[in-house]
Amino acid sequence: MSCTRVFGCIAIIVVTGGLLVPGALADIDKKQAKQDWKQFADLCQKYQYVFMSQSEVKKLGKGCIEEWQAWKKEFEPLRETFKERYGTTTAEVLEKFEGVEEPLDVKMPAWQAAAAGYDIDIPRKEAMFAEWAVSWGKDAYRIANLIEDEKEKLELKVTRAEDAVGYFELAKMWNPDGDYDEYIEQAKAVLEKARPQWHAVLKDLKWPGNNPDFAGPGNPDELAAAAIEFLKKNPKWSKPEYDDEHTPIAACVEGKGWDVYKKAPVTEEPTQYSIDIFVAFKGTKDPKTAYCYHMVFYTAEEAGVKKGLPFHYANSKQYAKFRMLMENVPVKKQ
């Protein structure tokens, strides 16, 4: 049974029997709609701010693939649910969400999320990721070829060749059916030529060891060991400048003592101390070399703080890094 009432030129139709019609557009679970709105808008915003940004995708590197897969696993079924519950057009979504309270921290209206999310082409985006990686690889390869084989420039040549190999391999990960083997082989050829030349230059670069003028307090060997343990437990220190895994393997105290890092604003009493420590890390790209960073380790920040362990924070000094032959790094057996 059905009935139709006409007000002006707008017909409101109510049909019994469970068929969804225009007159029932407002019949939604507003609590569920609010949850769906937030979840879908958050996913669309992540797509816009992360996956549409070359710089963000490049910064994430291989980690972006895992992040993308997790995002896609959540996004694709929700998009279908959103269409089923609230409509396949922005006009339908706008009408459905009339009177639904806006979630906190969501600046994208539901209809705008639909407009953005419904148009996302997943396969095309994955192909674009691969295209970006190829472009980055070509730039790195070009630079590697332009750098002359002078000893002062060999590390940069090796780094750019490694970047080229990594980006071309990343393109293949994004698009397994793509033909990138020739690119990878050419970049590897540049790398395999430059790396032995550079290793030869590194032979005279020795481990500095603890500063003989360190005045304390603390034993330098104990402080160095504590720095390694701290980095193992806190791998997310300031972002490494070398694009590779970083496992701490050796350290030595560089500074002559502890420096006052922060003071109380009125009394100027020290509230945090720091100490300079040189740290070597092993990666995966070149087992014969270590990544070396000039780092700073910090005590807790508090009134009456003392110079000494435990460390509470650490960061590397920007651009203060280089590589060293692993054979010259005093790695202690575990």
Protein backbone atom coordinates (compact mmCIF):
# COMPACT_ATOMS: atom_id res chain seq x y z
CA MET A 1 0.00 0.00 0.00
CA SER A 2 1.30 3.48 -0.76
CA CYS A 3 0.12 7.07 -0.76
CA THR A 4 1.36 10.25 -2.36
CA ARG A 5 0.98 13.80 -1.04
CA VAL A 6 1.93 16.79 -3.12
CA PHE A 7 3.05 20.06 -1.54
CA GLY A 8 3.58 22.67 -4.24
CA CYS A 9 5.72 20.88 -6.80
CA ILE A 10 7.47 18.49 -4.37
CA ALA A 11 6.10 14.98 -4.10
CA ILE A 12 6.85 13.00 -0.98
CA ILE A 13 6.44 9.30 -1.58
CA VAL A 14 6.21 6.76 1.23
CA VAL A 15 6.21 3.11 0.22
CA THR A 16 5.55 0.29 2.64
CA GLY A 17 7.37 -2.97 2.28
CA GLY A 18 10.91 -1.79 3.02
CA LEU A 19 11.79 -0.12 -0.31
CA LEU A 20 14.04 2.91 0.22
CA VAL A 21 12.69 5.97 -1.59
CA PRO A 22 13.30 9.74 -1.52
CA GLY A 23 10.92 10.33 1.32
CA ALA A 24 13.01 8.03 3.53
CA LEU A 25 16.35 9.74 2.90
CA ALA A 26 16.51 11.07 6.44
CA ASP A 27 15.95 7.63 7.98
CA ILE A 28 19.54 6.84 8.96
CA ASP A 29 21.29 5.92 12.17
CA LYS A 30 22.79 9.31 13.03
CA LYS A 31 25.25 7.85 15.53
CA GLN A 32 26.53 5.40 12.94
CA ALA A 33 26.56 8.12 10.29
CA LYS A 34 28.71 10.32 12.50
CA GLN A 35 31.20 7.47 12.98
CA ASP A 36 31.26 6.68 9.27
CA TRP A 37 31.72 10.36 8.44
CA LYS A 38 34.77 10.68 10.68
CA GLN A 39 36.36 7.44 9.52
CA PHE A 40 35.79 8.13 5.83
CA ALA A 41 36.85 11.78 6.05
CA ASP A 42 40.03 10.83 7.94
CA LEU A 43 40.93 8.32 5.24
CA CYS A 44 40.27 10.85 2.48
CA GLN A 45 42.36 13.47 4.28
CA LYS A 46 45.23 11.02 4.66
CA TYR A 47 45.03 10.31 0.95
CA GLN A 48 45.21 14.01 0.16
CA TYR A 49 47.94 14.94 2.64
CA VAL A 50 50.15 11.84 2.32
CA PHE A 51 49.50 9.78 -0.81
CA MET A 52 48.99 12.73 -3.14
CA SER A 53 52.25 14.32 -1.97
CA GLN A 54 55.40 13.21 -3.80
CA SER A 55 57.56 14.54 -0.99
CA GLU A 56 55.66 12.56 1.65
CA VAL A 57 55.67 9.36 -0.41
CA LYS A 58 59.37 9.79 -1.18
CA LYS A 59 60.15 10.36 2.49
CA LEU A 60 58.31 7.18 3.49
CA GLY A 61 60.13 5.12 0.84
CA LYS A 62 59.41 1.39 1.08
CA GLY A 63 57.45 2.04 4.26
CA CYS A 64 54.82 3.79 2.15
CA ILE A 65 53.83 0.47 0.57
CA GLU A 66 52.86 -1.02 3.91
CA GLU A 67 51.10 2.18 4.94
CA TRP A 68 49.23 2.29 1.61
CA GLN A 69 48.11 -1.34 1.91
CA ALA A 70 46.79 -0.74 5.41
CA TRP A 71 44.98 2.40 4.22
CA LYS A 72 43.52 0.61 1.19
CA LYS A 73 42.31 -2.32 3.29
CA GLU A 74 40.30 0.09 5.41
CA PHE A 75 39.26 2.50 2.66
CA GLU A 76 37.86 0.21 -0.04
CA PRO A 77 35.18 -1.59 2.00
CA LEU A 78 34.22 1.63 3.80
CA ARG A 79 33.74 3.44 0.50
CA GLU A 80 31.30 0.74 -0.63
CA THR A 81 29.48 0.88 2.71
CA PHE A 82 29.32 4.67 2.50
CA LYS A 83 27.71 4.48 -0.95
CA GLU A 84 25.17 1.90 0.19
CA ARG A 85 24.16 3.80 3.30
CA TYR A 86 24.31 7.41 2.15
CA GLY A 87 24.13 7.51 -1.62
CA THR A 88 26.35 7.45 -4.69
CA THR A 89 26.24 11.19 -5.40
CA THR A 90 27.26 14.21 -3.37
CA ALA A 91 23.69 15.49 -3.46
CA GLU A 92 22.40 12.29 -1.88
CA VAL A 93 25.13 12.35 0.76
CA LEU A 94 24.42 16.01 1.54
CA GLU A 95 20.75 15.24 2.12
CA LYS A 96 21.44 12.12 4.15
CA PHE A 97 23.73 13.95 6.56
CA GLU A 98 21.42 16.88 7.16
CA GLY A 99 21.07 17.18 10.92
CA VAL A 100 24.01 14.85 11.69
CA GLU A 101 26.37 16.45 14.20
CA GLU A 102 29.84 17.16 12.80
CA PRO A 103 32.53 14.99 14.44
CA LEU A 104 35.36 16.67 16.31
CA ASP A 105 38.62 17.31 14.43
CA VAL A 106 37.02 16.69 11.04
CA LYS A 107 37.14 19.69 8.74
CA MET A 108 35.78 17.90 5.67
CA PRO A 109 31.98 17.84 5.24
CA ALA A 110 30.51 14.41 4.52
CA TRP A 111 29.56 15.38 0.97
CA GLN A 112 33.08 16.65 0.35
CA ALA A 113 34.53 13.39 1.63
CA ALA A 114 32.25 11.58 -0.79
CA ALA A 115 33.29 13.85 -3.65
CA ALA A 116 36.95 13.17 -2.89
CA GLY A 117 36.72 9.50 -1.96
CA TYR A 118 34.39 8.31 -4.69
CA ASP A 119 36.80 9.58 -7.36
CA ILE A 120 39.91 7.82 -6.04
CA ASP A 121 41.19 5.39 -8.65
CA ILE A 122 43.24 2.83 -6.70
CA PRO A 123 44.97 1.06 -9.65
CA ARG A 124 45.81 4.39 -11.31
CA LYS A 125 47.25 5.72 -8.06
CA GLU A 126 49.47 2.67 -7.62
CA ALA A 127 50.72 3.11 -11.18
CA MET A 128 51.46 6.76 -10.34
CA PHE A 129 53.52 5.70 -7.30
CA ALA A 130 55.64 3.60 -9.64
CA GLU A 131 55.98 6.51 -12.07
CA TRP A 132 57.14 8.78 -9.26
CA ALA A 133 59.75 6.24 -8.15
CA VAL A 134 61.08 5.91 -11.70
CA SER A 135 61.36 9.69 -11.93
CA TRP A 136 63.30 9.87 -8.64
CA GLY A 137 65.52 7.03 -9.81
CA LYS A 138 66.33 8.74 -13.08
CA ASP A 139 67.26 11.96 -11.26
CA ALA A 140 69.56 10.10 -8.87
CA TYR A 141 71.12 8.11 -11.72
CA ARG A 142 71.76 11.28 -13.71
CA ILE A 143 73.50 12.93 -10.75
CA ALA A 144 75.58 9.80 -10.05
CA ASN A 145 76.82 9.84 -13.64
CA LEU A 146 77.65 13.54 -13.52
CA ILE A 147 79.80 13.27 -10.39
CA GLU A 148 83.46 12.84 -11.22
CA ASP A 149 85.54 9.99 -9.78
CA GLU A 150 87.44 12.22 -7.37
CA LYS A 151 88.02 10.89 -3.86
CA GLU A 152 86.22 13.81 -2.22
CA LYS A 153 83.12 13.13 -4.31
CA LEU A 154 83.02 9.33 -4.34
CA GLU A 155 80.73 8.96 -1.31
CA LEU A 156 78.15 11.23 -2.94
CA LYS A 157 78.48 9.27 -6.19
CA VAL A 158 77.91 6.01 -4.32
CA THR A 159 74.98 7.49 -2.37
CA ARG A 160 73.22 8.71 -5.50
CA ALA A 161 73.80 5.39 -7.27
CA GLU A 162 72.36 3.57 -4.25
CA ASP A 163 69.38 5.92 -4.35
CA ALA A 164 68.84 5.15 -8.03
CA VAL A 165 68.90 1.40 -7.44
CA GLY A 166 66.54 1.79 -4.49
CA TYR A 167 64.03 3.93 -6.36
CA PHE A 168 63.96 1.63 -9.40
CA GLU A 169 63.46 -1.36 -7.11
CA LEU A 170 60.71 0.58 -5.35
CA ALA A 171 58.99 1.15 -8.70
CA LYS A 172 59.05 -2.60 -9.27
CA MET A 173 57.50 -3.16 -5.86
CA TRP A 174 54.68 -0.75 -6.70
CA ASN A 175 54.22 -2.26 -10.16
CA PRO A 176 55.52 -5.86 -10.29
CA ASP A 177 54.48 -6.18 -13.93
CA GLY A 178 56.50 -3.12 -14.98
CA ASP A 179 59.73 -3.43 -16.95
CA TYR A 180 62.36 -1.86 -14.69
CA ASP A 181 65.14 -4.47 -14.85
CA GLU A 182 67.24 -2.50 -17.33
CA TYR A 183 67.08 0.60 -15.12
CA ILE A 184 68.12 -1.43 -12.06
CA GLU A 185 71.02 -3.09 -13.90
CA GLN A 186 72.35 0.22 -15.22
CA ALA A 187 72.20 1.86 -11.79
CA LYS A 188 73.88 -1.15 -10.20
CA ALA A 189 76.67 -0.96 -12.78
CA VAL A 190 77.46 2.62 -11.72
CA LEU A 191 77.34 1.58 -8.07
CA GLU A 192 79.57 -1.46 -8.53
CA LYS A 193 82.20 0.65 -10.27
CA ALA A 194 82.21 3.51 -7.74
CA ARG A 195 81.94 1.53 -4.50
CA PRO A 196 85.40 -0.20 -4.61
CA GLN A 197 87.04 3.12 -5.51
CA TRP A 198 85.41 4.74 -2.54
CA HIS A 199 86.28 1.84 -0.19
CA ALA A 200 89.93 2.33 -1.15
CA VAL A 201 89.70 5.99 -0.13
CA LEU A 202 88.17 5.00 3.23
CA LYS A 203 91.01 2.70 4.29
CA ASP A 204 92.84 5.51 6.08
CA LEU A 205 89.76 6.67 8.01
CA LYS A 206 90.11 5.29 11.55
CA TRP A 207 87.83 5.05 14.59
CA PRO A 208 88.35 8.15 16.82
CA GLY A 209 87.89 6.43 20.18
CA ASN A 210 86.93 8.11 23.45
CA ASN A 211 88.20 11.64 23.99
CA PRO A 212 91.31 11.27 26.19
CA ASP A 213 90.51 14.66 27.77
CA PHE A 214 87.03 13.63 28.93
CA ALA A 215 86.67 15.04 32.45
CA GLY A 216 83.52 13.17 33.47
CA PRO A 217 81.56 12.51 35.43
CA GLY A 218 81.10 8.94 34.27
CA ASN A 219 83.20 6.27 32.63
CA PRO A 220 83.46 6.84 28.84
CA ASP A 221 83.09 3.15 28.01
CA GLU A 222 79.98 2.89 30.18
CA LEU A 223 78.49 6.03 28.63
CA ALA A 224 79.19 4.71 25.11
CA ALA A 225 77.60 1.35 25.95
CA ALA A 226 74.57 3.14 27.43
CA ALA A 227 74.23 5.18 24.23
CA ILE A 228 74.08 2.00 22.14
CA GLU A 229 71.49 0.44 24.43
CA PHE A 230 69.42 3.60 24.40
CA LEU A 231 69.37 3.66 20.58
CA LYS A 232 68.41 -0.01 20.41
CA LYS A 233 65.45 0.65 22.69
CA ASN A 234 64.56 3.95 21.00
CA PRO A 235 65.05 3.41 17.26
CA LYS A 236 62.96 6.47 16.34
CA TRP A 237 65.57 9.08 17.18
CA SER A 238 65.88 12.04 14.82
CA LYS A 239 65.53 10.75 11.27
CA PRO A 240 68.78 9.25 9.93
CA GLU A 241 70.22 11.07 6.94
CA TYR A 242 71.23 7.83 5.23
CA ASP A 243 68.20 6.06 3.77
CA ASP A 244 68.71 2.59 5.19
CA GLU A 245 68.14 0.56 8.32
CA HIS A 246 70.21 1.72 11.28
CA THR A 247 71.38 -0.71 13.97
CA PRO A 248 73.81 0.83 16.50
CA ILE A 249 77.03 -1.18 16.80
CA ALA A 250 79.70 1.08 18.35
CA ALA A 251 80.07 4.41 20.13
CA CYS A 252 82.65 6.61 21.80
CA VAL A 253 82.52 9.80 23.85
CA GLU A 254 83.56 12.88 21.85
CA GLY A 255 83.01 15.70 24.30
CA LYS A 256 85.34 16.80 27.08
CA GLY A 257 82.45 16.75 29.52
CA TRP A 258 78.76 17.40 30.00
CA ASP A 259 77.23 20.62 28.62
CA VAL A 260 74.37 22.58 30.14
CA TYR A 261 71.55 22.24 27.60
CA LYS A 262 68.68 23.96 29.42
CA LYS A 263 68.39 26.31 32.40
CA ALA A 264 65.56 27.45 34.65
CA PRO A 265 64.30 30.85 33.38
CA VAL A 266 64.67 32.74 36.69
CA THR A 267 67.41 31.04 38.67
CA GLU A 268 69.36 29.85 35.60
CA GLU A 269 70.00 26.59 37.41
CA PRO A 270 70.71 23.74 34.95
CA THR A 271 67.63 21.64 34.23
CA GLN A 272 69.13 19.41 31.51
CA TYR A 273 72.61 18.29 30.48
CA SER A 274 73.89 16.88 27.21
CA ILE A 275 76.97 15.00 26.03
CA ASP A 276 78.46 14.48 22.54
CA ILE A 277 78.84 10.86 21.47
CA PHE A 278 80.01 9.45 18.14
CA VAL A 279 77.93 6.46 17.02
CA ALA A 280 78.31 3.91 14.22
CA PHE A 281 75.39 1.98 12.77
CA LYS A 282 75.18 -0.94 10.39
CA GLY A 283 72.67 -0.99 7.54
CA THR A 284 71.70 -3.39 4.77
CA LYS A 285 72.85 -1.69 1.57
CA ASP A 286 76.61 -2.13 1.99
CA PRO A 287 77.82 -4.62 4.62
CA LYS A 288 81.40 -3.33 4.30
CA THR A 289 80.62 0.17 5.57
CA ALA A 290 79.06 1.69 8.68
CA TYR A 291 77.00 4.87 8.99
CA CYS A 292 78.66 7.24 11.46
CA TYR A 293 76.91 10.15 13.16
CA HIS A 294 77.99 12.86 15.57
CA MET A 295 75.17 12.68 18.11
CA VAL A 296 74.00 14.41 21.28
CA PHE A 297 72.53 12.52 24.25
CA TYR A 298 70.50 14.22 26.96
CA THR A 299 69.58 13.71 30.60
CA ALA A 300 66.04 14.16 31.85
CA GLU A 301 64.78 17.73 32.03
CA GLU A 302 64.05 18.52 35.68
CA ALA A 303 65.09 20.69 38.59
CA GLY A 304 68.21 19.47 40.33
CA VAL A 305 69.18 17.19 37.45
CA LYS A 306 72.61 15.57 37.69
CA LYS A 307 75.22 14.95 35.01
CA GLY A 308 75.07 11.28 34.15
CA LEU A 309 72.93 8.33 33.17
CA PRO A 310 70.26 7.46 32.26
CA PHE A 311 69.83 9.05 28.85
CA HIS A 312 66.33 10.29 28.06
CA TYR A 313 66.68 11.60 24.53
CA ALA A 314 69.14 11.63 21.62
CA ASN A 315 69.48 13.24 18.21
CA SER A 316 72.05 13.50 15.45
CA LYS A 317 73.70 16.75 14.46
CA GLN A 318 72.44 17.75 11.03
CA TYR A 319 74.86 16.98 8.18
CA ALA A 320 77.46 15.75 10.70
CA LYS A 321 77.73 12.23 9.30
CA PHE A 322 79.91 10.08 7.07
CA ARG A 323 80.65 6.44 6.35
CA MET A 324 83.55 4.31 7.56
CA LEU A 325 84.80 0.87 6.64
CA MET A 326 83.24 -1.70 8.94
CA GLU A 327 86.69 -3.24 9.47
CA ASN A 328 87.75 -0.01 11.19
CA VAL A 329 84.80 0.03 13.59
CA PRO A 330 85.44 -1.68 16.95
CA VAL A 331 82.30 -3.80 17.07
CA LYS A 332 82.02 -5.81 20.27
CA LYS A 333 80.78 -9.38 19.95
CA GLN A 334 77.33 -9.83 21.42
